[in-house]
Amino acid sequence: MDKAVFLDRDGVINRLNRGSYVTSWSMFEFLRGAKEAIARLSDSGFLIFIITNQSAINRGLLTEAGLEVIHNNMLFEIEEAGGAVEGVYHCPHRPDEGCKCRKPETGLFNQVGEDYDIDYPNSWFVGDFESDREVADRMGLKFILASGGGGLEKAVKEILNE
């Protein structure tokens, strides 16, 4: 079984602009230290997964292809910094659609578990809202609340017991 770190995207890896969506690569801005923090986790033997709600898709503001461009560029920059991300899992649904994949539902985490042999009790979820703790608790993950520049760096120190 593999230890993993699940990362929320908006607000943990990139700047979250309240009331708007990242709908193009030009709008994506890495938070300070995020790429390097992911590289440190990768080097420490954790599998890294990004779990993200992207309701801009079902709101008609972003296409799946557009999201793929954003994620491919994000992954390229993370790799350039020495990090490795196993997968990016996203929910395209609006909150009112009642799906099973939108956090705090567990669908995306369960999908990772179908694709990989994850040791959930020895794995982590880093989110930027207290509501993210709910899904971590349901999945038996350790949870860290982190947001803003340097938040992921601090979370990595906790995960690595530094």
Protein backbone atom coordinates (compact mmCIF):
# COMPACT_ATOMS: atom_id res chain seq x y z
CA MET A 1 0.00 0.00 0.00
CA ASP A 2 1.15 3.51 -0.80
CA LYS A 3 1.11 6.58 1.41
CA ALA A 4 -0.41 9.55 -0.35
CA VAL A 5 -0.97 13.25 0.04
CA PHE A 6 -4.18 14.61 -1.45
CA LEU A 7 -4.05 18.31 -2.24
CA ASP A 8 -6.90 20.66 -2.93
CA ARG A 9 -5.98 22.84 -5.91
CA ASP A 10 -7.53 26.30 -5.57
CA GLY A 11 -6.32 27.97 -2.38
CA VAL A 12 -3.61 25.38 -1.64
CA ILE A 13 -1.59 25.19 -4.87
CA ASN A 14 -2.81 28.29 -6.67
CA ARG A 15 -4.30 31.61 -5.66
CA LEU A 16 -8.05 31.44 -5.07
CA ASN A 17 -9.92 34.48 -6.29
CA ARG A 18 -13.18 34.50 -4.36
CA GLY A 19 -16.15 34.93 -6.65
CA SER A 20 -14.29 34.04 -9.82
CA TYR A 21 -12.91 30.94 -11.47
CA VAL A 22 -9.57 30.04 -13.02
CA THR A 23 -10.75 29.54 -16.59
CA SER A 24 -7.43 29.85 -18.44
CA TRP A 25 -3.76 29.20 -17.82
CA SER A 26 -3.09 32.94 -17.77
CA MET A 27 -5.35 33.21 -14.69
CA PHE A 28 -3.50 30.44 -12.81
CA GLU A 29 -1.01 31.75 -10.24
CA PHE A 30 0.98 29.34 -8.09
CA LEU A 31 1.08 30.24 -4.42
CA ARG A 32 4.52 30.96 -3.00
CA GLY A 33 6.44 27.76 -2.34
CA ALA A 34 3.74 25.40 -3.63
CA LYS A 35 5.77 23.76 -6.40
CA GLU A 36 8.75 23.25 -4.13
CA ALA A 37 6.55 21.84 -1.36
CA ILE A 38 5.08 19.29 -3.77
CA ALA A 39 8.62 18.34 -4.84
CA ARG A 40 9.59 17.74 -1.20
CA LEU A 41 6.59 15.46 -0.70
CA SER A 42 7.44 13.55 -3.89
CA ASP A 43 11.04 13.13 -2.75
CA SER A 44 9.78 11.75 0.57
CA GLY A 45 7.99 8.85 -1.10
CA PHE A 46 4.40 10.06 -1.01
CA LEU A 47 2.13 9.67 -4.01
CA ILE A 48 0.61 13.07 -4.76
CA PHE A 49 -2.96 13.54 -5.98
CA ILE A 50 -4.78 16.78 -6.67
CA ILE A 51 -8.50 16.73 -5.86
CA THR A 52 -10.47 19.73 -7.07
CA ASN A 53 -14.03 20.98 -7.49
CA GLN A 54 -14.31 22.72 -10.87
CA SER A 55 -17.94 23.77 -11.20
CA ALA A 56 -16.91 26.35 -13.82
CA ILE A 57 -17.31 23.46 -16.28
CA ASN A 58 -21.00 22.84 -15.62
CA ARG A 59 -21.58 26.57 -15.29
CA GLY A 60 -20.47 26.89 -18.92
CA LEU A 61 -17.41 29.00 -18.07
CA LEU A 62 -14.76 26.37 -18.82
CA THR A 63 -14.57 23.27 -21.01
CA GLU A 64 -13.01 19.94 -20.08
CA ALA A 65 -10.39 20.65 -22.76
CA GLY A 66 -9.67 24.05 -21.23
CA LEU A 67 -9.24 22.48 -17.80
CA GLU A 68 -6.88 19.92 -19.29
CA VAL A 69 -4.70 22.74 -20.69
CA ILE A 70 -4.56 24.37 -17.25
CA HIS A 71 -3.69 21.10 -15.54
CA ASN A 72 -1.08 20.08 -18.13
CA ASN A 73 0.70 23.42 -17.67
CA MET A 74 0.43 23.15 -13.89
CA LEU A 75 1.88 19.62 -13.94
CA PHE A 76 4.70 20.69 -16.25
CA GLU A 77 5.74 23.47 -13.87
CA ILE A 78 5.53 21.14 -10.87
CA GLU A 79 7.73 18.61 -12.70
CA GLU A 80 10.19 21.38 -13.61
CA ALA A 81 10.48 22.10 -9.87
CA GLY A 82 11.23 18.42 -9.19
CA GLY A 83 7.75 17.29 -8.15
CA ALA A 84 5.62 14.43 -9.40
CA VAL A 85 1.83 14.28 -9.31
CA GLU A 86 0.24 10.88 -9.90
CA GLY A 87 -3.11 12.28 -10.95
CA VAL A 88 -5.51 15.19 -10.97
CA TYR A 89 -9.12 14.28 -10.21
CA HIS A 90 -11.83 16.87 -10.67
CA CYS A 91 -15.56 17.27 -10.19
CA PRO A 92 -17.25 19.37 -12.90
CA HIS A 93 -20.59 19.65 -11.09
CA ARG A 94 -22.27 22.65 -9.53
CA PRO A 95 -23.11 22.38 -5.81
CA ASP A 96 -26.84 22.08 -6.59
CA GLU A 97 -26.38 18.98 -8.77
CA GLY A 98 -26.11 16.56 -5.85
CA CYS A 99 -23.27 14.46 -7.27
CA LYS A 100 -21.11 12.05 -5.29
CA CYS A 101 -17.78 13.45 -6.50
CA ARG A 102 -17.91 17.06 -5.31
CA LYS A 103 -16.03 17.58 -2.06
CA PRO A 104 -16.97 17.05 0.73
CA GLU A 105 -18.41 13.90 -0.88
CA THR A 106 -15.90 11.05 -1.17
CA GLY A 107 -16.31 10.08 -4.84
CA LEU A 108 -13.01 11.46 -6.14
CA PHE A 109 -11.08 9.94 -3.24
CA ASN A 110 -12.79 6.60 -3.84
CA GLN A 111 -11.79 6.82 -7.51
CA VAL A 112 -8.15 7.25 -6.50
CA GLY A 113 -8.57 4.16 -4.31
CA GLU A 114 -9.82 2.19 -7.31
CA ASP A 115 -6.86 3.35 -9.39
CA TYR A 116 -4.14 2.98 -6.71
CA ASP A 117 -3.55 0.93 -3.55
CA ILE A 118 -3.69 3.75 -1.00
CA ASP A 119 -2.88 3.41 2.70
CA TYR A 120 -5.54 5.91 3.81
CA PRO A 121 -4.77 5.89 7.58
CA ASN A 122 -1.17 6.91 6.82
CA SER A 123 -2.12 9.46 4.18
CA TRP A 124 -3.07 13.14 4.31
CA PHE A 125 -5.47 15.64 2.81
CA VAL A 126 -4.44 19.30 2.65
CA GLY A 127 -7.40 21.61 2.12
CA ASP A 128 -8.12 25.30 2.40
CA PHE A 129 -11.55 25.18 4.05
CA GLU A 130 -12.59 23.71 7.37
CA SER A 131 -15.31 21.85 5.41
CA ASP A 132 -12.52 19.83 3.75
CA ARG A 133 -11.97 18.15 7.11
CA GLU A 134 -15.31 16.34 6.65
CA VAL A 135 -14.13 14.34 3.64
CA ALA A 136 -10.78 13.64 5.31
CA ASP A 137 -12.60 12.24 8.34
CA ARG A 138 -14.88 10.09 6.16
CA MET A 139 -11.87 8.67 4.29
CA GLY A 140 -9.77 8.13 7.42
CA LEU A 141 -7.17 10.66 6.26
CA LYS A 142 -5.14 12.99 8.44
CA PHE A 143 -6.13 16.58 7.68
CA ILE A 144 -4.23 19.85 7.52
CA LEU A 145 -5.89 23.20 6.94
CA ALA A 146 -3.58 25.29 4.77
CA SER A 147 -4.22 28.29 2.59
CA GLY A 148 -2.44 31.25 1.13
CA GLY A 149 1.20 31.74 0.30
CA GLY A 150 3.38 29.45 2.38
CA GLY A 151 0.45 27.37 3.63
CA LEU A 152 1.47 24.26 1.73
CA GLU A 153 5.08 24.67 2.87
CA LYS A 154 3.90 24.65 6.50
CA ALA A 155 1.71 21.61 5.83
CA VAL A 156 4.66 19.72 4.34
CA LYS A 157 6.72 20.41 7.46
CA GLU A 158 3.94 18.88 9.56
CA ILE A 159 3.58 15.86 7.26
CA LEU A 160 7.35 15.26 7.33
CA ASN A 161 7.56 15.88 11.12
CA GLU A 162 9.96 18.80 10.76
